[in-house]
């Protein structure tokens, strides 16, 4: 009669360990300094090119990049529902 309760405790302990091993970690907040995937970098480049950024325009480089960055930021803010800052 002592083996059945021990088997039940062992089974419950095994199930508990299995469930806790496959549990999802709590979701972490957005971290902008986290490394980006290749797909995210390609998507960013497409957005910058659509905003008028030309990577081959060396003469107007800082102004060109700043202007395109501001346009991309405004589009993302508008898409997020917050007022755009232009």
PDB file of N, CA and C in Angstrom:
ATOM      1  N   UNK A   1       0.808  -1.199   0.000  1.00  0.00           N
ATOM      2  CA  UNK A   1       0.000   0.000   0.000  1.00  0.00           C
ATOM      3  C   UNK A   1       0.857   1.272   0.000  1.00  0.00           C
ATOM      4  N   UNK A   2       2.104   1.157   0.382  1.00  0.00           N
ATOM      5  CA  UNK A   2       2.939   2.348   0.426  1.00  0.00           C
ATOM      6  C   UNK A   2       3.471   2.724  -0.962  1.00  0.00           C
ATOM      7  N   UNK A   3       3.474   1.806  -1.888  1.00  0.00           N
ATOM      8  CA  UNK A   3       4.030   2.110  -3.203  1.00  0.00           C
ATOM      9  C   UNK A   3       3.121   3.011  -4.030  1.00  0.00           C
ATOM     10  N   UNK A   4       1.810   2.881  -3.896  1.00  0.00           N
ATOM     11  CA  UNK A   4       0.884   3.702  -4.685  1.00  0.00           C
ATOM     12  C   UNK A   4       1.013   5.190  -4.350  1.00  0.00           C
ATOM     13  N   UNK A   5       1.006   5.600  -3.053  1.00  0.00           N
ATOM     14  CA  UNK A   5       1.188   7.033  -2.776  1.00  0.00           C
ATOM     15  C   UNK A   5       2.547   7.549  -3.238  1.00  0.00           C
ATOM     16  N   UNK A   6       3.579   6.737  -3.146  1.00  0.00           N
ATOM     17  CA  UNK A   6       4.899   7.168  -3.613  1.00  0.00           C
ATOM     18  C   UNK A   6       4.903   7.341  -5.132  1.00  0.00           C
ATOM     19  N   UNK A   7       4.223   6.457  -5.829  1.00  0.00           N
ATOM     20  CA  UNK A   7       4.132   6.579  -7.287  1.00  0.00           C
ATOM     21  C   UNK A   7       3.362   7.841  -7.677  1.00  0.00           C
ATOM     22  N   UNK A   8       2.302   8.152  -6.950  1.00  0.00           N
ATOM     23  CA  UNK A   8       1.525   9.362  -7.237  1.00  0.00           C
ATOM     24  C   UNK A   8       2.352  10.616  -6.985  1.00  0.00           C
ATOM     25  N   UNK A   9       3.080  10.637  -5.877  1.00  0.00           N
ATOM     26  CA  UNK A   9       3.931  11.793  -5.577  1.00  0.00           C
ATOM     27  C   UNK A   9       5.012  11.924  -6.649  1.00  0.00           C
ATOM     28  N   UNK A  10       5.595  10.810  -7.061  1.00  0.00           N
ATOM     29  CA  UNK A  10       6.611  10.840  -8.116  1.00  0.00           C
ATOM     30  C   UNK A  10       6.050  11.328  -9.434  1.00  0.00           C
ATOM     31  N   UNK A  11       4.833  10.873  -9.770  1.00  0.00           N
ATOM     32  CA  UNK A  11       4.212  11.310 -11.018  1.00  0.00           C
ATOM     33  C   UNK A  11       3.892  12.800 -10.981  1.00  0.00           C
ATOM     34  N   UNK A  12       3.345  13.274  -9.867  1.00  0.00           N
ATOM     35  CA  UNK A  12       3.036  14.700  -9.746  1.00  0.00           C
ATOM     36  C   UNK A  12       4.305  15.546  -9.789  1.00  0.00           C
ATOM     37  N   UNK A  13       5.348  15.059  -9.150  1.00  0.00           N
ATOM     38  CA  UNK A  13       6.622  15.783  -9.169  1.00  0.00           C
ATOM     39  C   UNK A  13       7.186  15.828 -10.594  1.00  0.00           C
ATOM     40  N   UNK A  14       7.076  14.729 -11.320  1.00  0.00           N
ATOM     41  CA  UNK A  14       7.549  14.692 -12.702  1.00  0.00           C
ATOM     42  C   UNK A  14       6.764  15.621 -13.602  1.00  0.00           C
ATOM     43  N   UNK A  15       5.453  15.646 -13.433  1.00  0.00           N
ATOM     44  CA  UNK A  15       4.613  16.545 -14.227  1.00  0.00           C
ATOM     45  C   UNK A  15       4.949  17.998 -13.917  1.00  0.00           C
ATOM     46  N   UNK A  16       5.132  18.302 -12.638  1.00  0.00           N
ATOM     47  CA  UNK A  16       5.454  19.676 -12.239  1.00  0.00           C
ATOM     48  C   UNK A  16       6.796  20.110 -12.830  1.00  0.00           C
ATOM     49  N   UNK A  17       7.788  19.216 -12.794  1.00  0.00           N
ATOM     50  CA  UNK A  17       9.096  19.549 -13.370  1.00  0.00           C
ATOM     51  C   UNK A  17       8.997  19.746 -14.887  1.00  0.00           C
ATOM     52  N   UNK A  18       8.211  18.907 -15.551  1.00  0.00           N
ATOM     53  CA  UNK A  18       8.045  19.041 -16.994  1.00  0.00           C
ATOM     54  C   UNK A  18       7.360  20.329 -17.383  1.00  0.00           C
ATOM     55  N   UNK A  19       6.337  20.698 -16.651  1.00  0.00           N
ATOM     56  CA  UNK A  19       5.610  21.937 -16.941  1.00  0.00           C
ATOM     57  C   UNK A  19       6.498  23.146 -16.690  1.00  0.00           C
ATOM     58  N   UNK A  20       7.241  23.137 -15.600  1.00  0.00           N
ATOM     59  CA  UNK A  20       8.092  24.289 -15.301  1.00  0.00           C
ATOM     60  C   UNK A  20       9.265  24.386 -16.274  1.00  0.00           C
ATOM     61  N   UNK A  21       9.703  23.264 -16.840  1.00  0.00           N
ATOM     62  CA  UNK A  21      10.809  23.299 -17.797  1.00  0.00           C
ATOM     63  C   UNK A  21      10.387  23.945 -19.113  1.00  0.00           C
ATOM     64  N   UNK A  22       9.116  23.798 -19.505  1.00  0.00           N
ATOM     65  CA  UNK A  22       8.641  24.351 -20.768  1.00  0.00           C
ATOM     66  C   UNK A  22       7.869  25.653 -20.589  1.00  0.00           C
ATOM     67  N   UNK A  23       7.879  26.220 -19.415  1.00  0.00           N
ATOM     68  CA  UNK A  23       7.157  27.469 -19.175  1.00  0.00           C
ATOM     69  C   UNK A  23       7.861  28.614 -19.893  1.00  0.00           C
ATOM     70  N   UNK A  24       7.092  29.553 -20.394  1.00  0.00           N
ATOM     71  CA  UNK A  24       7.635  30.722 -21.068  1.00  0.00           C
ATOM     72  C   UNK A  24       8.179  31.704 -20.041  1.00  0.00           C
ATOM     73  N   UNK A  25       9.331  32.307 -20.294  1.00  0.00           N
ATOM     74  CA  UNK A  25       9.814  33.342 -19.383  1.00  0.00           C
ATOM     75  C   UNK A  25       8.923  34.577 -19.507  1.00  0.00           C
ATOM     76  N   UNK A  26       8.866  35.409 -18.504  1.00  0.00           N
ATOM     77  CA  UNK A  26       8.043  36.619 -18.610  1.00  0.00           C
ATOM     78  C   UNK A  26       8.549  37.505 -19.737  1.00  0.00           C
ATOM     79  N   UNK A  27       7.612  38.135 -20.440  1.00  0.00           N
ATOM     80  CA  UNK A  27       8.001  38.984 -21.554  1.00  0.00           C
ATOM     81  C   UNK A  27       8.747  40.203 -21.039  1.00  0.00           C
ATOM     82  N   UNK A  28       9.794  40.557 -21.757  1.00  0.00           N
ATOM     83  CA  UNK A  28      10.629  41.690 -21.366  1.00  0.00           C
ATOM     84  C   UNK A  28      10.164  42.927 -22.105  1.00  0.00           C
ATOM     85  N   UNK A  29      10.335  44.100 -21.529  1.00  0.00           N
ATOM     86  CA  UNK A  29       9.947  45.323 -22.224  1.00  0.00           C
ATOM     87  C   UNK A  29      10.837  45.562 -23.439  1.00  0.00           C
ATOM     88  N   UNK A  30      10.374  46.403 -24.342  1.00  0.00           N
ATOM     89  CA  UNK A  30      11.112  46.725 -25.561  1.00  0.00           C
ATOM     90  C   UNK A  30      12.446  47.357 -25.212  1.00  0.00           C
ATOM     91  N   UNK A  31      13.511  46.859 -25.810  1.00  0.00           N
ATOM     92  CA  UNK A  31      14.851  47.377 -25.569  1.00  0.00           C
ATOM     93  C   UNK A  31      15.420  47.891 -26.891  1.00  0.00           C
ATOM     94  N   UNK A  32      15.470  49.211 -27.088  1.00  0.00           N
ATOM     95  CA  UNK A  32      15.949  49.733 -28.364  1.00  0.00           C
ATOM     96  C   UNK A  32      17.430  49.477 -28.606  1.00  0.00           C
ATOM     97  N   UNK A  33      18.206  49.177 -27.554  1.00  0.00           N
ATOM     98  CA  UNK A  33      19.629  48.922 -27.732  1.00  0.00           C
ATOM     99  C   UNK A  33      19.919  47.458 -28.029  1.00  0.00           C
ATOM    100  N   UNK A  34      18.883  46.633 -28.095  1.00  0.00           N
ATOM    101  CA  UNK A  34      19.079  45.211 -28.405  1.00  0.00           C
ATOM    102  C   UNK A  34      19.510  45.070 -29.863  1.00  0.00           C
ATOM    103  N   UNK A  35      20.320  44.069 -30.179  1.00  0.00           N
ATOM    104  CA  UNK A  35      20.747  43.905 -31.569  1.00  0.00           C
ATOM    105  C   UNK A  35      19.571  43.568 -32.482  1.00  0.00           C
ATOM    106  N   UNK A  36      19.645  44.067 -33.716  1.00  0.00           N
ATOM    107  CA  UNK A  36      18.568  43.850 -34.678  1.00  0.00           C
ATOM    108  C   UNK A  36      18.880  42.632 -35.538  1.00  0.00           C
ATOM    109  N   UNK A  37      17.825  42.031 -36.050  1.00  0.00           N
ATOM    110  CA  UNK A  37      17.995  40.925 -36.983  1.00  0.00           C
ATOM    111  C   UNK A  37      18.268  41.483 -38.370  1.00  0.00           C
ATOM    112  N   UNK A  38      18.709  40.620 -39.263  1.00  0.00           N
ATOM    113  CA  UNK A  38      18.990  41.045 -40.631  1.00  0.00           C
ATOM    114  C   UNK A  38      17.731  41.559 -41.318  1.00  0.00           C
ATOM    115  N   UNK A  39      16.610  40.906 -41.047  1.00  0.00           N
ATOM    116  CA  UNK A  39      15.347  41.333 -41.657  1.00  0.00           C
ATOM    117  C   UNK A  39      14.944  42.725 -41.169  1.00  0.00           C
ATOM    118  N   UNK A  40      15.179  43.022 -39.886  1.00  0.00           N
ATOM    119  CA  UNK A  40      14.845  44.348 -39.355  1.00  0.00           C
ATOM    120  C   UNK A  40      15.718  45.420 -39.989  1.00  0.00           C
ATOM    121  N   UNK A  41      17.004  45.117 -40.195  1.00  0.00           N
ATOM    122  CA  UNK A  41      17.909  46.087 -40.816  1.00  0.00           C
ATOM    123  C   UNK A  41      17.496  46.345 -42.266  1.00  0.00           C
ATOM    124  N   UNK A  42      17.131  45.286 -42.990  1.00  0.00           N
ATOM    125  CA  UNK A  42      16.675  45.457 -44.372  1.00  0.00           C
ATOM    126  C   UNK A  42      15.396  46.282 -44.431  1.00  0.00           C
ATOM    127  N   UNK A  43      14.489  46.043 -43.493  1.00  0.00           N
ATOM    128  CA  UNK A  43      13.239  46.807 -43.444  1.00  0.00           C
ATOM    129  C   UNK A  43      13.526  48.282 -43.160  1.00  0.00           C
ATOM    130  N   UNK A  44      14.462  48.555 -42.251  1.00  0.00           N
ATOM    131  CA  UNK A  44      14.832  49.938 -41.962  1.00  0.00           C
ATOM    132  C   UNK A  44      15.434  50.611 -43.191  1.00  0.00           C
ATOM    133  N   UNK A  45      16.286  49.895 -43.925  1.00  0.00           N
ATOM    134  CA  UNK A  45      16.894  50.465 -45.122  1.00  0.00           C
ATOM    135  C   UNK A  45      15.834  50.803 -46.165  1.00  0.00           C
ATOM    136  N   UNK A  46      14.857  49.927 -46.325  1.00  0.00           N
ATOM    137  CA  UNK A  46      13.782  50.189 -47.292  1.00  0.00           C
ATOM    138  C   UNK A  46      13.003  51.438 -46.884  1.00  0.00           C
ATOM    139  N   UNK A  47      12.740  51.588 -45.590  1.00  0.00           N
ATOM    140  CA  UNK A  47      12.025  52.787 -45.114  1.00  0.00           C
ATOM    141  C   UNK A  47      12.837  54.053 -45.369  1.00  0.00           C
ATOM    142  N   UNK A  48      14.150  53.994 -45.103  1.00  0.00           N
ATOM    143  CA  UNK A  48      15.001  55.152 -45.314  1.00  0.00           C
ATOM    144  C   UNK A  48      15.090  55.504 -46.795  1.00  0.00           C
ATOM    145  N   UNK A  49      15.178  54.493 -47.652  1.00  0.00           N
ATOM    146  CA  UNK A  49      15.230  54.765 -49.095  1.00  0.00           C
ATOM    147  C   UNK A  49      13.922  55.370 -49.576  1.00  0.00           C
ATOM    148  N   UNK A  50      12.795  54.916 -49.033  1.00  0.00           N
ATOM    149  CA  UNK A  50      11.500  55.484 -49.400  1.00  0.00           C
ATOM    150  C   UNK A  50      11.356  56.919 -48.906  1.00  0.00           C
ATOM    151  N   UNK A  51      12.079  57.257 -47.846  1.00  0.00           N
ATOM    152  CA  UNK A  51      12.022  58.616 -47.306  1.00  0.00           C
ATOM    153  C   UNK A  51      12.963  59.565 -48.036  1.00  0.00           C
ATOM    154  N   UNK A  52      13.714  59.051 -49.020  1.00  0.00           N
ATOM    155  CA  UNK A  52      14.569  59.925 -49.801  1.00  0.00           C
ATOM    156  C   UNK A  52      16.046  59.824 -49.488  1.00  0.00           C
ATOM    157  N   UNK A  53      16.454  58.877 -48.676  1.00  0.00           N
ATOM    158  CA  UNK A  53      17.871  58.721 -48.351  1.00  0.00           C
ATOM    159  C   UNK A  53      18.590  58.078 -49.518  1.00  0.00           C
ATOM    160  N   UNK A  54      19.710  58.650 -49.908  1.00  0.00           N
ATOM    161  CA  UNK A  54      20.534  58.103 -50.988  1.00  0.00           C
ATOM    162  C   UNK A  54      21.910  57.792 -50.405  1.00  0.00           C
ATOM    163  N   UNK A  55      22.254  56.509 -50.239  1.00  0.00           N
ATOM    164  CA  UNK A  55      23.546  56.176 -49.639  1.00  0.00           C
ATOM    165  C   UNK A  55      24.734  56.551 -50.517  1.00  0.00           C
ATOM    166  N   UNK A  56      24.518  56.821 -51.801  1.00  0.00           N
ATOM    167  CA  UNK A  56      25.616  57.184 -52.692  1.00  0.00           C
ATOM    168  C   UNK A  56      25.817  58.692 -52.789  1.00  0.00           C
ATOM    169  N   UNK A  57      24.968  59.467 -52.143  1.00  0.00           N
ATOM    170  CA  UNK A  57      25.081  60.926 -52.166  1.00  0.00           C
ATOM    171  C   UNK A  57      26.019  61.367 -51.036  1.00  0.00           C
ATOM    172  N   UNK A  58      27.309  61.411 -51.341  1.00  0.00           N
ATOM    173  CA  UNK A  58      28.306  61.735 -50.318  1.00  0.00           C
ATOM    174  C   UNK A  58      28.383  63.229 -50.043  1.00  0.00           C
ATOM    175  N   UNK A  59      28.009  64.047 -51.005  1.00  0.00           N
ATOM    176  CA  UNK A  59      28.126  65.489 -50.826  1.00  0.00           C
ATOM    177  C   UNK A  59      27.128  66.020 -49.794  1.00  0.00           C
ATOM    178  N   UNK A  60      25.922  65.469 -49.796  1.00  0.00           N
ATOM    179  CA  UNK A  60      24.884  65.927 -48.872  1.00  0.00           C
ATOM    180  C   UNK A  60      24.648  64.925 -47.752  1.00  0.00           C
ATOM    181  N   UNK A  61      25.699  64.148 -47.400  1.00  0.00           N
ATOM    182  CA  UNK A  61      25.506  63.028 -46.481  1.00  0.00           C
ATOM    183  C   UNK A  61      24.846  63.385 -45.152  1.00  0.00           C
ATOM    184  N   UNK A  62      25.369  64.269 -44.363  1.00  0.00           N
ATOM    185  CA  UNK A  62      24.726  64.429 -43.047  1.00  0.00           C
ATOM    186  C   UNK A  62      23.307  64.955 -43.149  1.00  0.00           C
ATOM    187  N   UNK A  63      23.108  65.934 -44.019  1.00  0.00           N
ATOM    188  CA  UNK A  63      21.770  66.516 -44.155  1.00  0.00           C
ATOM    189  C   UNK A  63      20.782  65.505 -44.724  1.00  0.00           C
ATOM    190  N   UNK A  64      21.228  64.732 -45.709  1.00  0.00           N
ATOM    191  CA  UNK A  64      20.385  63.727 -46.344  1.00  0.00           C
ATOM    192  C   UNK A  64      19.949  62.671 -45.323  1.00  0.00           C
ATOM    193  N   UNK A  65      20.885  62.196 -44.521  1.00  0.00           N
ATOM    194  CA  UNK A  65      20.573  61.159 -43.531  1.00  0.00           C
ATOM    195  C   UNK A  65      19.686  61.712 -42.419  1.00  0.00           C
ATOM    196  N   UNK A  66      19.954  62.914 -41.957  1.00  0.00           N
ATOM    197  CA  UNK A  66      19.133  63.504 -40.896  1.00  0.00           C
ATOM    198  C   UNK A  66      17.707  63.749 -41.367  1.00  0.00           C
ATOM    199  N   UNK A  67      17.563  64.225 -42.599  1.00  0.00           N
ATOM    200  CA  UNK A  67      16.238  64.483 -43.159  1.00  0.00           C
ATOM    201  C   UNK A  67      15.445  63.178 -43.295  1.00  0.00           C
ATOM    202  N   UNK A  68      16.095  62.150 -43.834  1.00  0.00           N
ATOM    203  CA  UNK A  68      15.412  60.861 -43.996  1.00  0.00           C
ATOM    204  C   UNK A  68      15.086  60.241 -42.638  1.00  0.00           C
ATOM    205  N   UNK A  69      15.986  60.378 -41.676  1.00  0.00           N
ATOM    206  CA  UNK A  69      15.725  59.848 -40.335  1.00  0.00           C
ATOM    207  C   UNK A  69      14.541  60.526 -39.677  1.00  0.00           C
ATOM    208  N   UNK A  70      14.417  61.837 -39.873  1.00  0.00           N
ATOM    209  CA  UNK A  70      13.277  62.561 -39.310  1.00  0.00           C
ATOM    210  C   UNK A  70      11.976  62.130 -39.973  1.00  0.00           C
ATOM    211  N   UNK A  71      12.013  61.896 -41.278  1.00  0.00           N
ATOM    212  CA  UNK A  71      10.804  61.455 -41.988  1.00  0.00           C
ATOM    213  C   UNK A  71      10.390  60.067 -41.519  1.00  0.00           C
ATOM    214  N   UNK A  72      11.359  59.160 -41.381  1.00  0.00           N
ATOM    215  CA  UNK A  72      11.052  57.802 -40.924  1.00  0.00           C
ATOM    216  C   UNK A  72      10.507  57.830 -39.500  1.00  0.00           C
ATOM    217  N   UNK A  73      11.108  58.639 -38.638  1.00  0.00           N
ATOM    218  CA  UNK A  73      10.628  58.745 -37.256  1.00  0.00           C
ATOM    219  C   UNK A  73       9.209  59.302 -37.208  1.00  0.00           C
ATOM    220  N   UNK A  74       8.919  60.295 -38.048  1.00  0.00           N
ATOM    221  CA  UNK A  74       7.568  60.869 -38.080  1.00  0.00           C
ATOM    222  C   UNK A  74       6.554  59.849 -38.582  1.00  0.00           C
ATOM    223  N   UNK A  75       6.928  59.073 -39.595  1.00  0.00           N
ATOM    224  CA  UNK A  75       6.011  58.038 -40.102  1.00  0.00           C
ATOM    225  C   UNK A  75       5.755  56.972 -39.055  1.00  0.00           C
ATOM    226  N   UNK A  76       6.796  56.575 -38.325  1.00  0.00           N
ATOM    227  CA  UNK A  76       6.615  55.559 -37.282  1.00  0.00           C
ATOM    228  C   UNK A  76       5.763  56.096 -36.144  1.00  0.00           C
ATOM    229  N   UNK A  77       5.955  57.357 -35.785  1.00  0.00           N
ATOM    230  CA  UNK A  77       5.142  57.954 -34.729  1.00  0.00           C
ATOM    231  C   UNK A  77       3.698  58.073 -35.157  1.00  0.00           C
ATOM    232  N   UNK A  78       3.480  58.419 -36.409  1.00  0.00           N
ATOM    233  CA  UNK A  78       2.124  58.529 -36.926  1.00  0.00           C
ATOM    234  C   UNK A  78       1.469  57.160 -36.988  1.00  0.00           C
ATOM    235  N   UNK A  79       2.239  56.135 -37.339  1.00  0.00           N
ATOM    236  CA  UNK A  79       1.712  54.779 -37.392  1.00  0.00           C
ATOM    237  C   UNK A  79       1.407  54.225 -36.011  1.00  0.00           C
ATOM    238  N   UNK A  80       2.114  54.698 -34.998  1.00  0.00           N
ATOM    239  CA  UNK A  80       1.889  54.247 -33.626  1.00  0.00           C
ATOM    240  C   UNK A  80       0.704  54.962 -32.983  1.00  0.00           C
ATOM    241  N   UNK A  81       0.221  56.002 -33.625  1.00  0.00           N
ATOM    242  CA  UNK A  81      -0.938  56.718 -33.103  1.00  0.00           C
ATOM    243  C   UNK A  81      -0.612  57.967 -32.324  1.00  0.00           C
ATOM    244  N   UNK A  82       0.674  58.234 -32.121  1.00  0.00           N
ATOM    245  CA  UNK A  82       1.043  59.454 -31.416  1.00  0.00           C
ATOM    246  C   UNK A  82       1.205  60.577 -32.432  1.00  0.00           C
ATOM    247  N   UNK A  83       1.082  61.808 -31.990  1.00  0.00           N
ATOM    248  CA  UNK A  83       1.217  62.936 -32.924  1.00  0.00           C
ATOM    249  C   UNK A  83       2.636  62.997 -33.481  1.00  0.00           C
ATOM    250  N   UNK A  84       2.739  63.280 -34.770  1.00  0.00           N
ATOM    251  CA  UNK A  84       4.058  63.335 -35.403  1.00  0.00           C
ATOM    252  C   UNK A  84       4.756  64.632 -35.039  1.00  0.00           C
ATOM    253  N   UNK A  85       6.064  64.530 -34.856  1.00  0.00           N
ATOM    254  CA  UNK A  85       6.861  65.694 -34.499  1.00  0.00           C
ATOM    255  C   UNK A  85       7.725  66.078 -35.694  1.00  0.00           C
ATOM    256  N   UNK A  86       7.247  67.044 -36.491  1.00  0.00           N
ATOM    257  CA  UNK A  86       8.019  67.517 -37.636  1.00  0.00           C
ATOM    258  C   UNK A  86       8.323  68.956 -37.497  1.00  0.00           C
TER     259      UNK A  86
END
